[in-house]
Amino acid sequence: MSDLTSLLHDLAIANRILSREGVVDAFGHVSIRHPEHPDRYILSRSRSPALVKRSDLVEFTLDGETTDPGESRSFYIERPIHGAIYEARPDIHAVIHNHAYEVIPFAVTPTPLRPILHVAGGMGVSIPVWDIREGFGDTNLLVTTMAQGRDLAATLGGGAVALMRGHGCVVAAGGLKQAVSTAIYLQVNAALLLGALKLGEVTYLSPGEVEATAAMTALPVAVERTWEYWAARADLSEI
């Protein structure tokens, strides 16, 4: 397979994996930067991730317009999340937006979401929280304009994760498989931290441990091992 064909196949699989692992449900989406046109990205048409097939994938410009003038299918309304992050971060080649329930409490309380699990180091030391109301007043919390997307991208900064108050989070990475791993272990870490906080004082990973564990989970052998495992668990029929 060509690089693009292989990436499109993996993008369809990523949708199924994120659904199987409970990171997304009927909502949520994952994209990749076009490997040949860095000013474009590829994202499914508007569809539940568990059902996404290769034929559902659509190419967009960074401002969220389809590159195919004949395309008539409906699209995710929150495309500006993806376009704005790719615009701001040339190092990013995959973006995930999800509503994982376990992360929400950390986006609506003063309690920070920090890594306590060694395989969660990829989430970073400090996870910022973006509140759409601060810049745009009362909304339905969806990121529907490039101005909102750029504001979110600014909060993400150079990190891998940003929480979205009352909504969910975004995950950005240099590769699709790494993004999937970060999103899954972010959710796992959030669930574990919620439990640990009930028991008493929590020992978090140190900045040095976060750096070391992030490098460990980004190793090709680790990335491929987790991807193979999650893909084996997912429903990849008719993909």
Foldseek 3Di string as FASTA:
>chain_A
DDPQVVQLQVLLLLLQLCCLLQQADQDKWKKFQRPVDLQKIKTFANGRSNPDDSVRIFIAGLQGHGPDPVDDGHHDQQSLLVSLLSVVDVLWTMKIWGALPLCQVCQADVDFQAAADLLQLLQDGGEAEDELCVPPNDDPQGRRGNVSNNSQSVRCPPGQKYAYHPGGIMGTHNDDLLSSSNSSVSSVRSVVVVVVVVVDDGDGDDNVSSVVSSVVCPPPVNSVVVSVVSSVSGPPPPD
